[in-house]
N, C-alpha and C. Protein backbone atom coordinates (compact mmCIF):
# COMPACT_ATOMS: atom_id res chain seq x y z
N UNK A 1 -30.43 17.12 6.80
CA UNK A 1 -30.39 15.93 7.84
C UNK A 1 -30.40 14.72 7.05
N UNK A 2 -31.64 14.33 6.49
CA UNK A 2 -31.89 13.35 6.38
C UNK A 2 -30.92 13.10 5.27
N UNK A 3 -30.03 13.83 4.05
CA UNK A 3 -29.39 13.57 3.61
C UNK A 3 -27.91 13.47 4.09
N UNK A 4 -27.71 13.35 5.26
CA UNK A 4 -26.39 13.53 5.58
C UNK A 4 -26.60 12.58 6.47
N UNK A 5 -27.51 11.72 6.81
CA UNK A 5 -27.98 10.77 7.39
C UNK A 5 -27.68 9.58 6.56
N UNK A 6 -28.34 9.77 5.35
CA UNK A 6 -28.52 8.59 4.10
C UNK A 6 -26.72 8.68 4.15
N UNK A 7 -25.79 9.73 4.00
CA UNK A 7 -24.61 9.63 3.67
C UNK A 7 -23.64 8.75 4.89
N UNK A 8 -23.98 9.19 5.80
CA UNK A 8 -23.15 8.79 7.33
C UNK A 8 -23.58 7.26 7.28
N UNK A 9 -23.58 6.49 6.40
CA UNK A 9 -23.87 4.98 6.77
C UNK A 9 -22.63 4.22 7.37
N UNK A 10 -22.68 3.01 8.41
CA UNK A 10 -21.96 2.43 8.89
C UNK A 10 -20.43 2.22 7.68
N UNK A 11 -20.78 1.70 6.30
CA UNK A 11 -19.79 1.73 5.56
C UNK A 11 -18.94 2.66 5.53
N UNK A 12 -20.24 4.06 5.21
CA UNK A 12 -18.91 5.39 5.39
C UNK A 12 -18.19 5.98 6.38
N UNK A 13 -18.95 5.53 7.43
CA UNK A 13 -17.78 5.66 8.93
C UNK A 13 -16.63 4.78 8.75
N UNK A 14 -16.80 3.61 8.32
CA UNK A 14 -15.50 2.58 7.99
C UNK A 14 -14.56 3.51 7.19
N UNK A 15 -15.14 3.49 6.08
CA UNK A 15 -14.26 4.55 5.03
C UNK A 15 -13.75 5.65 5.41
N UNK A 16 -14.12 6.33 6.23
CA UNK A 16 -13.31 7.79 6.88
C UNK A 16 -12.33 6.97 8.00
N UNK A 17 -12.57 6.29 8.70
CA UNK A 17 -11.57 5.25 9.61
C UNK A 17 -10.74 5.16 8.96
N UNK A 18 -10.76 4.30 7.53
CA UNK A 18 -9.81 3.91 6.82
C UNK A 18 -8.94 5.25 6.27
N UNK A 19 -9.61 6.15 5.96
CA UNK A 19 -8.69 7.42 5.61
C UNK A 19 -7.93 7.78 6.33
N UNK A 20 -8.44 8.21 7.83
CA UNK A 20 -7.64 8.35 8.58
C UNK A 20 -6.43 7.86 9.05
N UNK A 21 -6.43 6.74 9.51
CA UNK A 21 -5.41 5.49 9.82
C UNK A 21 -4.81 5.11 8.36
N UNK A 22 -5.27 5.30 7.35
CA UNK A 22 -4.09 5.29 6.28
C UNK A 22 -3.04 6.47 6.04
N UNK A 23 -3.91 7.64 6.30
CA UNK A 23 -2.73 8.80 5.88
C UNK A 23 -2.17 8.76 6.96
N UNK A 24 -1.90 8.61 8.52
CA UNK A 24 -1.37 8.53 9.08
C UNK A 24 -0.15 7.42 9.10
N UNK A 25 -0.75 6.72 8.54
CA UNK A 25 0.30 5.20 8.24
C UNK A 25 1.38 6.00 7.13
N UNK A 26 0.73 6.41 6.36
CA UNK A 26 1.78 7.01 5.30
C UNK A 26 2.74 7.82 5.78
N UNK A 27 1.96 8.77 6.52
CA UNK A 27 2.85 9.93 7.43
C UNK A 27 3.56 9.78 8.32
N UNK A 28 3.72 8.18 9.38
CA UNK A 28 4.50 7.85 9.89
C UNK A 28 6.11 6.75 9.31
N UNK A 29 5.24 6.67 8.06
CA UNK A 29 6.42 5.83 7.11
C UNK A 29 7.30 6.73 6.66
N UNK A 30 6.57 8.10 5.85
CA UNK A 30 7.72 9.06 5.59
C UNK A 30 8.93 9.35 6.56
N UNK A 31 8.68 9.38 7.95
CA UNK A 31 9.14 9.83 9.12
C UNK A 31 9.86 8.81 9.03
N UNK A 32 9.38 7.37 8.68
CA UNK A 32 10.38 6.00 9.35
C UNK A 32 9.98 6.06 10.91
N UNK A 33 8.98 6.13 10.96
CA UNK A 33 8.65 5.92 12.44
C UNK A 33 8.05 4.34 12.62
N UNK A 34 8.32 3.49 13.20
CA UNK A 34 8.01 1.84 13.13
C UNK A 34 6.52 1.71 13.71
N UNK A 35 5.92 2.82 14.20
CA UNK A 35 4.19 2.90 14.57
C UNK A 35 3.59 2.62 13.49
N UNK A 36 4.23 2.96 12.33
CA UNK A 36 3.54 2.73 10.66
C UNK A 36 3.01 1.28 11.01
N UNK A 37 3.47 0.31 11.15
CA UNK A 37 3.19 -0.95 10.88
C UNK A 37 2.37 -1.31 11.65
N UNK A 38 2.02 -1.23 13.01
CA UNK A 38 0.94 -1.70 13.60
C UNK A 38 -0.32 -0.71 13.57
N UNK A 39 -0.05 0.25 13.33
CA UNK A 39 -1.40 1.20 13.04
C UNK A 39 -2.09 0.47 11.22
N UNK A 40 -0.83 0.39 10.67
CA UNK A 40 -1.04 -0.32 9.42
C UNK A 40 -1.66 -1.51 9.38
N UNK A 41 -1.85 -2.31 10.62
CA UNK A 41 -2.49 -3.58 10.75
C UNK A 41 -4.07 -2.91 10.80
N UNK A 42 -4.44 -2.00 11.99
CA UNK A 42 -5.52 -1.49 12.12
C UNK A 42 -6.51 -0.87 10.55
N UNK A 43 -5.41 -0.33 9.46
CA UNK A 43 -6.15 -0.02 8.31
C UNK A 43 -6.62 -1.07 7.78
N UNK A 44 -5.63 -2.23 7.56
CA UNK A 44 -5.56 -3.65 6.91
C UNK A 44 -7.30 -3.72 7.07
N UNK A 45 -7.22 -4.12 8.53
CA UNK A 45 -8.40 -5.07 9.15
C UNK A 45 -9.87 -3.97 8.81
N UNK A 46 -9.83 -2.58 8.57
CA UNK A 46 -11.08 -1.80 8.46
C UNK A 46 -11.23 -2.27 6.42
N UNK A 47 -9.97 -2.12 6.00
CA UNK A 47 -9.86 -1.89 4.47
C UNK A 47 -10.71 -3.42 3.88
N UNK A 48 -10.11 -4.51 4.96
CA UNK A 48 -11.05 -5.66 4.00
C UNK A 48 -12.38 -5.25 4.44
N UNK A 49 -13.32 -5.21 5.38
CA UNK A 49 -14.51 -5.28 5.17
C UNK A 49 -14.86 -4.21 4.27
N UNK A 50 -14.68 -3.25 3.51
CA UNK A 50 -14.91 -2.32 3.03
C UNK A 50 -14.79 -3.15 1.66
N UNK A 51 -13.73 -3.51 1.13
CA UNK A 51 -13.53 -4.11 0.02
C UNK A 51 -14.48 -5.56 -0.40
N UNK A 52 -14.54 -5.80 0.72
CA UNK A 52 -15.70 -7.34 0.43
C UNK A 52 -16.84 -6.53 0.25
N UNK A 53 -17.50 -5.53 0.74
CA UNK A 53 -18.67 -5.50 0.50
C UNK A 53 -18.61 -4.57 -0.89
N UNK A 54 -17.48 -3.99 -1.48
CA UNK A 54 -17.38 -3.12 -2.67
C UNK A 54 -17.41 -4.63 -3.72
N UNK A 55 -17.15 -5.70 -3.68
CA UNK A 55 -16.91 -7.14 -4.43
C UNK A 55 -15.35 -6.54 -5.16
N UNK A 56 -14.37 -5.86 -4.30
CA UNK A 56 -13.24 -5.68 -5.10
C UNK A 56 -12.58 -6.57 -4.32
N UNK A 57 -12.30 -8.03 -4.73
CA UNK A 57 -11.72 -9.12 -4.64
C UNK A 57 -10.07 -9.01 -4.13
N UNK A 58 -9.64 -8.53 -5.31
CA UNK A 58 -8.22 -8.75 -5.59
C UNK A 58 -7.78 -7.49 -4.37
N UNK A 59 -8.53 -6.61 -4.20
CA UNK A 59 -7.74 -5.54 -3.22
C UNK A 59 -7.96 -6.09 -1.34
N UNK A 60 -9.41 -7.34 -1.62
CA UNK A 60 -9.78 -7.49 -0.21
C UNK A 60 -8.18 -8.90 -0.04
N UNK A 61 -7.55 -9.43 -1.36
CA UNK A 61 -6.67 -10.37 -1.07
C UNK A 61 -5.38 -9.41 -0.90
N UNK A 62 -5.27 -8.41 -1.44
CA UNK A 62 -4.39 -7.81 -1.36
C UNK A 62 -3.84 -7.35 0.27
N UNK A 63 -5.16 -6.88 1.15
CA UNK A 63 -5.29 -6.64 2.29
C UNK A 63 -4.88 -7.74 3.10
N UNK A 64 -4.99 -8.76 2.96
CA UNK A 64 -4.48 -10.10 3.79
C UNK A 64 -3.46 -10.20 3.99
N UNK A 65 -2.80 -9.98 2.22
CA UNK A 65 -1.23 -10.37 1.99
C UNK A 65 -0.35 -9.11 2.75
N UNK A 66 -1.46 -7.73 3.13
CA UNK A 66 -0.71 -6.66 4.01
C UNK A 66 -0.72 -6.93 5.41
N UNK A 67 -1.50 -7.58 5.97
CA UNK A 67 -1.43 -8.22 7.34
C UNK A 67 0.06 -8.85 7.38
N UNK A 68 0.73 -9.69 6.54
CA UNK A 68 1.39 -10.35 6.88
C UNK A 68 2.84 -9.69 6.84
N UNK A 69 2.54 -8.93 5.55
CA UNK A 69 3.96 -7.64 5.66
C UNK A 69 4.32 -6.34 6.37
N UNK A 70 2.82 -6.31 7.24
CA UNK A 70 2.99 -5.23 8.06
C UNK A 70 3.77 -5.86 9.78
N UNK A 71 3.24 -7.40 9.48
CA UNK A 71 3.96 -7.82 10.99
C UNK A 71 5.45 -7.99 10.93
N UNK A 72 5.86 -8.27 9.19
CA UNK A 72 6.98 -8.65 8.79
C UNK A 72 7.99 -6.93 9.29
N UNK A 73 7.53 -6.25 8.37
CA UNK A 73 7.87 -4.82 8.41
C UNK A 73 8.16 -4.13 10.23
N UNK A 74 7.37 -4.63 10.74
CA UNK A 74 7.22 -4.58 12.06
C UNK A 74 8.44 -4.94 13.31
N UNK A 75 8.32 -6.40 12.69
CA UNK A 75 9.83 -6.81 13.03
C UNK A 75 11.41 -6.53 12.06
N UNK A 76 11.26 -5.90 11.34
CA UNK A 76 12.20 -6.03 10.60
C UNK A 76 12.84 -4.78 10.72
N UNK A 77 11.78 -3.73 11.31
CA UNK A 77 12.35 -2.23 11.56
C UNK A 77 12.98 -2.42 13.03
N UNK A 78 12.42 -2.99 13.88
CA UNK A 78 12.84 -3.29 15.12
C UNK A 78 14.09 -3.96 15.43
N UNK A 79 14.17 -4.83 14.81
CA UNK A 79 15.23 -5.58 14.79
C UNK A 79 16.72 -5.09 13.60
N UNK A 80 16.48 -4.05 12.92
CA UNK A 80 17.09 -3.69 12.25
C UNK A 80 17.85 -4.64 11.15
N UNK A 81 17.27 -6.03 10.96
CA UNK A 81 17.68 -6.79 9.99
C UNK A 81 18.70 -7.76 10.31
N UNK A 82 18.47 -7.57 11.88
CA UNK A 82 19.95 -8.33 12.50
C UNK A 82 19.51 -8.26 14.09
N UNK A 83 20.25 -9.45 14.95
CA UNK A 83 20.31 -9.28 16.39
C UNK A 83 20.86 -7.79 17.24
N UNK A 84 21.32 -7.14 16.29
CA UNK A 84 21.98 -5.78 16.78
C UNK A 84 20.71 -5.28 17.01
N UNK A 85 19.82 -4.73 16.96
CA UNK A 85 18.60 -3.60 17.13
C UNK A 85 19.22 -2.33 16.80
N UNK A 86 20.30 -2.24 15.96
CA UNK A 86 19.98 -1.07 15.10
C UNK A 86 19.11 -0.68 13.77
N UNK A 87 19.37 0.88 14.28
CA UNK A 87 18.10 1.18 13.20
C UNK A 87 18.39 0.67 11.65
N UNK A 88 17.66 0.66 11.06
CA UNK A 88 17.47 0.69 9.46
C UNK A 88 17.69 1.38 8.92
N UNK A 89 18.65 1.66 7.95
CA UNK A 89 19.10 2.92 6.94
C UNK A 89 17.85 2.71 5.83
N UNK A 90 17.76 3.71 5.40
CA UNK A 90 17.28 3.59 3.80
C UNK A 90 18.33 3.19 3.06
N UNK A 91 17.69 2.69 2.12
CA UNK A 91 18.93 1.73 0.95
C UNK A 91 18.40 1.66 -0.48
N UNK A 92 18.78 1.81 -1.28
CA UNK A 92 18.66 1.36 -2.63
C UNK A 92 18.56 -0.08 -3.02
N UNK A 93 17.39 -0.65 -3.79
CA UNK A 93 17.19 -2.12 -3.67
C UNK A 93 17.86 -2.70 -5.10
N UNK A 94 18.36 -1.41 -6.16
CA UNK A 94 19.02 -1.94 -7.39
C UNK A 94 17.98 -1.83 -8.61
N UNK A 95 18.50 -2.16 -9.48
CA UNK A 95 17.71 -2.04 -11.07
C UNK A 95 17.25 -3.53 -11.22
N UNK A 96 18.29 -4.35 -10.78
CA UNK A 96 17.63 -5.73 -10.97
C UNK A 96 16.58 -6.30 -10.11
N UNK A 97 16.69 -6.14 -9.09
CA UNK A 97 15.66 -6.77 -8.06
C UNK A 97 14.10 -5.45 -7.99
N UNK A 98 14.48 -4.25 -8.80
CA UNK A 98 13.14 -4.00 -9.18
C UNK A 98 12.33 -3.95 -10.13
N UNK A 99 13.33 -4.23 -11.01
CA UNK A 99 12.97 -4.93 -12.59
C UNK A 99 11.99 -6.07 -12.37
N UNK A 100 12.58 -7.20 -11.52
CA UNK A 100 12.16 -8.41 -11.36
C UNK A 100 10.77 -8.25 -10.62
N UNK A 101 10.88 -7.19 -9.92
CA UNK A 101 9.35 -7.15 -8.80
C UNK A 101 8.33 -6.35 -9.74
N UNK A 102 8.71 -5.65 -10.90
CA UNK A 102 8.16 -5.17 -12.10
C UNK A 102 7.41 -6.10 -12.63
N UNK A 103 8.18 -6.97 -13.44
CA UNK A 103 8.11 -8.31 -14.28
C UNK A 103 7.08 -9.01 -13.13
N UNK A 104 7.16 -9.89 -11.82
CA UNK A 104 6.19 -10.15 -11.52
C UNK A 104 5.06 -9.55 -11.37
N UNK A 105 4.69 -8.40 -10.91
CA UNK A 105 3.58 -8.19 -10.90
C UNK A 105 2.48 -7.91 -12.23
N UNK A 106 3.53 -7.54 -13.62
CA UNK A 106 2.56 -7.61 -14.46
C UNK A 106 2.52 -9.08 -14.98
N UNK A 107 3.20 -10.00 -14.72
CA UNK A 107 2.51 -11.54 -14.73
C UNK A 107 1.35 -12.01 -13.94
N UNK A 108 1.74 -11.14 -12.63
CA UNK A 108 0.46 -11.57 -11.72
C UNK A 108 -0.89 -11.06 -11.96
N UNK A 109 -0.74 -9.71 -12.68
CA UNK A 109 -2.00 -9.22 -13.32
C UNK A 109 -2.63 -9.80 -14.01
N UNK A 110 -2.12 -10.14 -15.02
CA UNK A 110 -2.38 -11.06 -16.52
C UNK A 110 -3.18 -12.25 -15.90
N UNK A 111 -2.38 -13.13 -15.14
CA UNK A 111 -2.98 -14.47 -14.65
C UNK A 111 -3.96 -14.24 -13.83
N UNK A 112 -3.91 -13.53 -12.41
CA UNK A 112 -4.96 -12.98 -11.41
C UNK A 112 -6.31 -12.48 -12.03
N UNK A 113 -5.90 -11.33 -12.79
CA UNK A 113 -6.65 -10.99 -13.62
C UNK A 113 -7.91 -11.74 -14.67
N UNK A 114 -7.30 -12.57 -14.90
CA UNK A 114 -8.12 -13.50 -15.98
C UNK A 114 -8.88 -14.24 -15.10
N UNK A 115 -7.97 -14.99 -14.07
CA UNK A 115 -9.02 -15.80 -13.52
C UNK A 115 -10.10 -15.16 -12.32
N UNK A 116 -10.07 -13.95 -11.98
CA UNK A 116 -11.02 -13.16 -11.48
C UNK A 116 -12.09 -13.12 -12.51
N UNK A 117 -11.84 -12.90 -13.80
CA UNK A 117 -12.74 -12.40 -14.96
C UNK A 117 -13.20 -13.88 -15.29
N UNK A 118 -13.16 -14.56 -14.88
CA UNK A 118 -13.79 -16.13 -15.51
C UNK A 118 -14.30 -16.77 -14.21
N UNK A 119 -14.11 -16.27 -13.15
CA UNK A 119 -14.39 -16.98 -12.07
C UNK A 119 -15.11 -16.35 -10.85
N UNK A 120 -15.18 -15.21 -10.83
CA UNK A 120 -15.70 -14.21 -9.86
C UNK A 120 -16.34 -13.39 -10.82
N UNK A 121 -17.83 -12.36 -9.81
CA UNK A 121 -18.38 -11.29 -10.42
C UNK A 121 -17.18 -10.03 -9.98
N UNK A 122 -16.45 -10.19 -9.76
CA UNK A 122 -15.03 -8.76 -9.30
C UNK A 122 -15.84 -8.02 -10.62
N UNK A 123 -15.59 -6.51 -10.53
CA UNK A 123 -15.49 -5.33 -11.23
C UNK A 123 -13.77 -5.01 -11.23
N UNK A 124 -14.11 -4.83 -12.93
CA UNK A 124 -12.54 -4.16 -13.17
C UNK A 124 -11.08 -5.22 -12.64
N UNK A 125 -11.27 -6.51 -13.34
CA UNK A 125 -10.30 -7.27 -12.69
C UNK A 125 -9.23 -7.11 -12.88
N UNK A 126 -8.73 -6.61 -14.01
CA UNK A 126 -7.28 -6.13 -14.58
C UNK A 126 -6.65 -4.86 -13.84
N UNK A 127 -7.93 -4.00 -13.81
CA UNK A 127 -7.17 -2.90 -12.95
C UNK A 127 -6.97 -3.06 -11.51
N UNK A 128 -7.78 -3.69 -10.91
CA UNK A 128 -7.71 -3.90 -9.84
C UNK A 128 -6.63 -4.99 -9.63
N UNK A 129 -6.31 -5.83 -10.05
CA UNK A 129 -5.27 -6.74 -10.03
C UNK A 129 -3.80 -6.09 -10.19
N UNK A 130 -3.73 -5.46 -11.11
CA UNK A 130 -2.50 -4.26 -11.01
C UNK A 130 -2.56 -3.51 -9.96
N UNK A 131 -3.26 -3.07 -9.64
CA UNK A 131 -3.24 -2.31 -7.81
C UNK A 131 -2.39 -3.50 -7.00
N UNK A 132 -3.34 -4.56 -7.03
CA UNK A 132 -2.77 -5.05 -6.19
C UNK A 132 -1.59 -6.06 -5.89
N UNK A 133 -1.17 -6.26 -7.26
CA UNK A 133 0.56 -6.80 -7.53
C UNK A 133 1.37 -5.64 -7.32
N UNK A 134 1.36 -4.55 -8.14
CA UNK A 134 1.98 -3.77 -7.55
C UNK A 134 2.32 -3.10 -6.33
N UNK A 135 1.22 -3.17 -5.66
CA UNK A 135 1.10 -3.04 -3.98
C UNK A 135 2.32 -3.65 -3.26
N UNK A 136 2.13 -5.06 -3.68
CA UNK A 136 2.53 -5.94 -2.68
C UNK A 136 4.17 -5.97 -2.96
N UNK A 137 4.44 -5.45 -4.22
CA UNK A 137 5.69 -5.17 -4.56
C UNK A 137 6.56 -4.14 -4.00
N UNK A 138 5.56 -2.72 -3.65
CA UNK A 138 5.90 -1.97 -3.34
C UNK A 138 5.71 -1.91 -1.38
N UNK A 139 5.24 -2.66 -1.33
CA UNK A 139 5.36 -2.86 0.52
C UNK A 139 6.27 -3.93 0.68
N UNK A 140 6.73 -4.62 -0.13
CA UNK A 140 8.21 -5.11 0.32
C UNK A 140 9.27 -4.31 0.34
N UNK A 141 9.24 -3.50 -0.55
CA UNK A 141 10.30 -2.73 -0.47
C UNK A 141 9.99 -1.68 0.66
N UNK A 142 9.05 -1.76 1.20
CA UNK A 142 8.85 -0.40 2.02
C UNK A 142 9.33 -1.36 3.33
N UNK A 143 8.95 -2.41 3.48
CA UNK A 143 9.69 -3.18 5.13
C UNK A 143 11.10 -3.46 4.42
N UNK A 144 11.55 -3.43 3.35
CA UNK A 144 12.95 -3.32 3.76
C UNK A 144 13.62 -1.95 3.50
N UNK A 145 12.66 -0.65 4.23
CA UNK A 145 13.25 0.52 3.53
C UNK A 145 13.94 0.64 2.31
N UNK A 146 13.70 0.66 1.31
CA UNK A 146 14.06 0.55 -0.05
C UNK A 146 13.50 1.56 -0.43
N UNK A 147 14.32 2.98 -1.50
CA UNK A 147 14.18 3.83 -1.68
C UNK A 147 12.71 3.77 -3.06
N UNK A 148 12.96 2.72 -3.47
CA UNK A 148 12.27 2.86 -5.02
C UNK A 148 10.95 2.42 -4.63
N UNK A 149 10.53 2.24 -3.31
CA UNK A 149 8.85 1.42 -2.99
C UNK A 149 8.01 3.32 -3.27
N UNK A 150 9.05 4.41 -3.04
CA UNK A 150 7.72 5.47 -3.30
C UNK A 150 7.48 5.55 -4.44
N UNK A 151 8.39 5.19 -5.44
CA UNK A 151 7.89 5.14 -7.40
C UNK A 151 6.77 4.13 -7.70
N UNK A 152 6.82 3.16 -6.97
CA UNK A 152 5.68 2.17 -6.94
C UNK A 152 4.37 2.63 -6.30
N UNK A 153 4.52 2.57 -5.15
CA UNK A 153 3.31 3.60 -4.46
C UNK A 153 2.95 4.90 -5.36
N UNK A 154 3.85 5.55 -6.10
CA UNK A 154 3.06 6.72 -6.72
C UNK A 154 2.04 6.07 -8.23
N UNK A 155 2.58 5.04 -8.25
CA UNK A 155 2.03 4.52 -9.41
C UNK A 155 0.48 3.89 -9.43
N UNK A 156 0.74 3.26 -8.28
CA UNK A 156 -0.43 2.53 -7.39
C UNK A 156 -1.39 3.27 -7.14
N UNK A 157 -1.08 4.60 -6.08
CA UNK A 157 -2.12 5.61 -5.69
C UNK A 157 -2.66 6.34 -6.89
N UNK A 158 -2.01 6.51 -8.20
CA UNK A 158 -2.84 7.22 -9.46
C UNK A 158 -3.55 6.16 -9.90
N UNK A 159 -3.41 4.99 -10.05
CA UNK A 159 -4.17 3.73 -10.28
C UNK A 159 -5.39 3.68 -9.58
N UNK A 160 -5.34 3.28 -8.24
CA UNK A 160 -6.27 3.12 -7.19
C UNK A 160 -7.45 4.34 -7.22
N UNK A 161 -6.51 6.03 -7.14
CA UNK A 161 -7.97 7.02 -7.27
C UNK A 161 -8.54 7.11 -8.55
N UNK A 162 -8.33 6.61 -9.40
CA UNK A 162 -9.53 6.41 -10.72
C UNK A 162 -10.30 5.41 -10.09
N UNK A 163 -10.01 4.17 -9.62
CA UNK A 163 -10.75 2.73 -9.52
C UNK A 163 -11.39 3.06 -8.54
N UNK A 164 -11.52 3.83 -7.62
CA UNK A 164 -12.26 4.50 -6.54
C UNK A 164 -13.36 5.22 -6.48
N UNK A 165 -12.97 6.19 -7.63
CA UNK A 165 -14.08 7.31 -7.93
C UNK A 165 -14.91 6.34 -9.07
N UNK A 166 -14.70 5.57 -10.03
CA UNK A 166 -15.57 4.63 -10.48
C UNK A 166 -16.30 3.74 -9.85
N UNK A 167 -15.99 3.41 -8.62
CA UNK A 167 -16.42 2.53 -7.92
C UNK A 167 -17.40 3.59 -6.77
N UNK A 168 -17.36 4.84 -6.71
CA UNK A 168 -18.36 5.48 -5.86
C UNK A 168 -17.66 5.69 -3.95
N UNK A 169 -16.34 4.91 -3.95
CA UNK A 169 -15.79 4.88 -2.74
C UNK A 169 -14.78 6.18 -2.74
N UNK A 170 -15.84 7.54 -2.66
CA UNK A 170 -15.22 8.95 -2.35
C UNK A 170 -14.00 9.12 -1.43
N UNK A 171 -14.63 8.47 -0.25
CA UNK A 171 -13.27 8.66 0.79
C UNK A 171 -12.09 7.98 0.55
N UNK A 172 -12.22 6.80 -0.13
CA UNK A 172 -10.88 5.77 -0.43
C UNK A 172 -10.32 6.65 -1.99
N UNK A 173 -11.09 7.60 -2.57
CA UNK A 173 -10.43 7.98 -3.80
C UNK A 173 -9.54 9.24 -3.18
N UNK A 174 -10.34 10.08 -2.51
CA UNK A 174 -9.59 11.17 -1.66
C UNK A 174 -8.51 10.59 -0.90
N UNK A 175 -8.40 9.73 -0.49
CA UNK A 175 -7.22 9.00 0.24
C UNK A 175 -6.24 8.56 -0.88
N UNK A 176 -6.15 7.80 -1.68
CA UNK A 176 -5.47 7.57 -2.37
C UNK A 176 -4.83 9.13 -3.07
N UNK A 177 -5.50 9.76 -3.55
CA UNK A 177 -5.39 11.19 -3.92
C UNK A 177 -4.04 11.96 -3.32
N UNK A 178 -4.88 11.96 -2.17
CA UNK A 178 -3.50 12.76 -1.24
C UNK A 178 -2.14 11.85 -0.98
N UNK A 179 -2.24 10.18 -1.14
CA UNK A 179 -1.35 9.43 -0.80
C UNK A 179 -0.60 9.79 -2.04
N UNK A 180 -1.11 9.96 -3.58
CA UNK A 180 -0.31 10.73 -4.87
C UNK A 180 0.63 11.81 -4.31
N UNK A 181 0.29 12.51 -3.34
CA UNK A 181 1.55 13.73 -2.95
C UNK A 181 2.43 13.33 -2.18
N UNK A 182 1.78 12.44 -0.98
CA UNK A 182 2.75 11.92 -0.26
C UNK A 182 3.44 10.96 -1.00
N UNK A 183 3.48 10.18 -1.82
CA UNK A 183 4.57 9.05 -2.09
C UNK A 183 5.57 10.18 -3.13
N UNK A 184 5.16 11.40 -3.41
CA UNK A 184 6.35 12.23 -3.73
C UNK A 184 7.24 12.69 -2.59
N UNK A 185 6.32 13.17 -1.30
CA UNK A 185 6.96 13.72 -0.39
C UNK A 185 7.98 12.58 0.31
N UNK A 186 7.46 11.23 0.51
CA UNK A 186 8.27 10.47 0.64
C UNK A 186 9.81 9.88 0.29
N UNK A 187 9.68 10.12 -1.11
CA UNK A 187 10.70 9.86 -1.71
C UNK A 187 11.67 10.85 -1.61
N UNK A 188 11.17 12.30 -1.64
CA UNK A 188 12.59 13.08 -1.49
C UNK A 188 12.86 13.48 -0.10
N UNK A 189 12.17 12.86 0.93
CA UNK A 189 12.57 12.77 2.41
C UNK A 189 13.23 11.31 2.50
N UNK A 190 13.20 10.74 2.25
CA UNK A 190 13.86 9.40 2.01
C UNK A 190 15.00 9.25 1.39
N UNK A 191 15.07 10.07 0.10
CA UNK A 191 16.27 10.27 -1.01
C UNK A 191 17.58 11.20 -0.09
N UNK A 192 16.49 12.41 0.99
CA UNK A 192 17.72 13.04 1.81
C UNK A 192 18.35 12.07 2.90
N UNK A 193 17.58 11.22 3.35
CA UNK A 193 18.07 10.03 4.44
C UNK A 193 18.98 9.08 3.93
N UNK A 194 18.59 8.59 2.64
CA UNK A 194 19.94 7.58 2.11
C UNK A 194 21.15 8.61 1.97
N UNK A 195 21.46 9.95 1.67
CA UNK A 195 22.66 10.68 1.50
C UNK A 195 23.60 10.58 2.69
N UNK A 196 22.97 10.11 3.51
CA UNK A 196 23.52 9.69 4.91
C UNK A 196 24.05 8.42 5.42
N UNK A 197 23.15 7.52 4.24
CA UNK A 197 23.24 6.17 4.62
C UNK A 197 23.84 5.54 3.65
N UNK A 198 24.15 3.92 3.60
CA UNK A 198 24.62 2.94 2.72
C UNK A 198 23.70 3.29 1.19
N UNK A 199 24.25 2.74 0.04
CA UNK A 199 24.02 3.18 -1.02
C UNK A 199 22.74 1.65 -1.51
N UNK A 200 23.39 0.63 -1.09
CA UNK A 200 22.93 -0.39 -1.30
C UNK A 200 22.69 -1.18 -0.51
N UNK A 201 21.64 -2.07 0.12
CA UNK A 201 21.24 -3.17 1.12
C UNK A 201 21.00 -4.87 0.25
N UNK A 202 21.35 -5.27 1.09
CA UNK A 202 21.05 -6.46 0.76
C UNK A 202 19.64 -7.03 0.72
N UNK A 203 19.45 -7.65 -0.35
CA UNK A 203 17.83 -8.43 -1.05
C UNK A 203 17.14 -9.03 0.13
């Protein structure tokens, strides 16, 4: 019982809350359910507390950015990208926009990784910023319902699983390990949906 009590600290319980809400968010995203966005806001708020405690400042800033992107995704999916209130179809972003996002993520990783290395006590500044920058790119593609978001999420999930294992955030390591499989499931599900809709959407 003492070992269980020592493990079930308030921070561990927050991690468990993040695990559950995070899994449900991705499940809803795979199903193209608009409730993924408000629940995502809850997940973000929990994660901010956890990453502040773990001194993963890039992840913390990432989730602050996620607040805005969750709000935007909620709006965009409800409005259909127009005043028509039509459902937003799954589309492809195209090679050009995806390449630009990856390049921006690479530059951001170098710039912010170096800044965090010099001016903060952040652990793993470059790896942490890599997941941050790639996640923002993936999140943007998700809000626009572009199929390619799942490829970037897969890369992020693999990197994040290793980071959280190293930091001892075992609930979050488990969460991102499961996310890796869910990214594959999301790609397959959205690709099937794409077959019935447009192949290219406005950026």
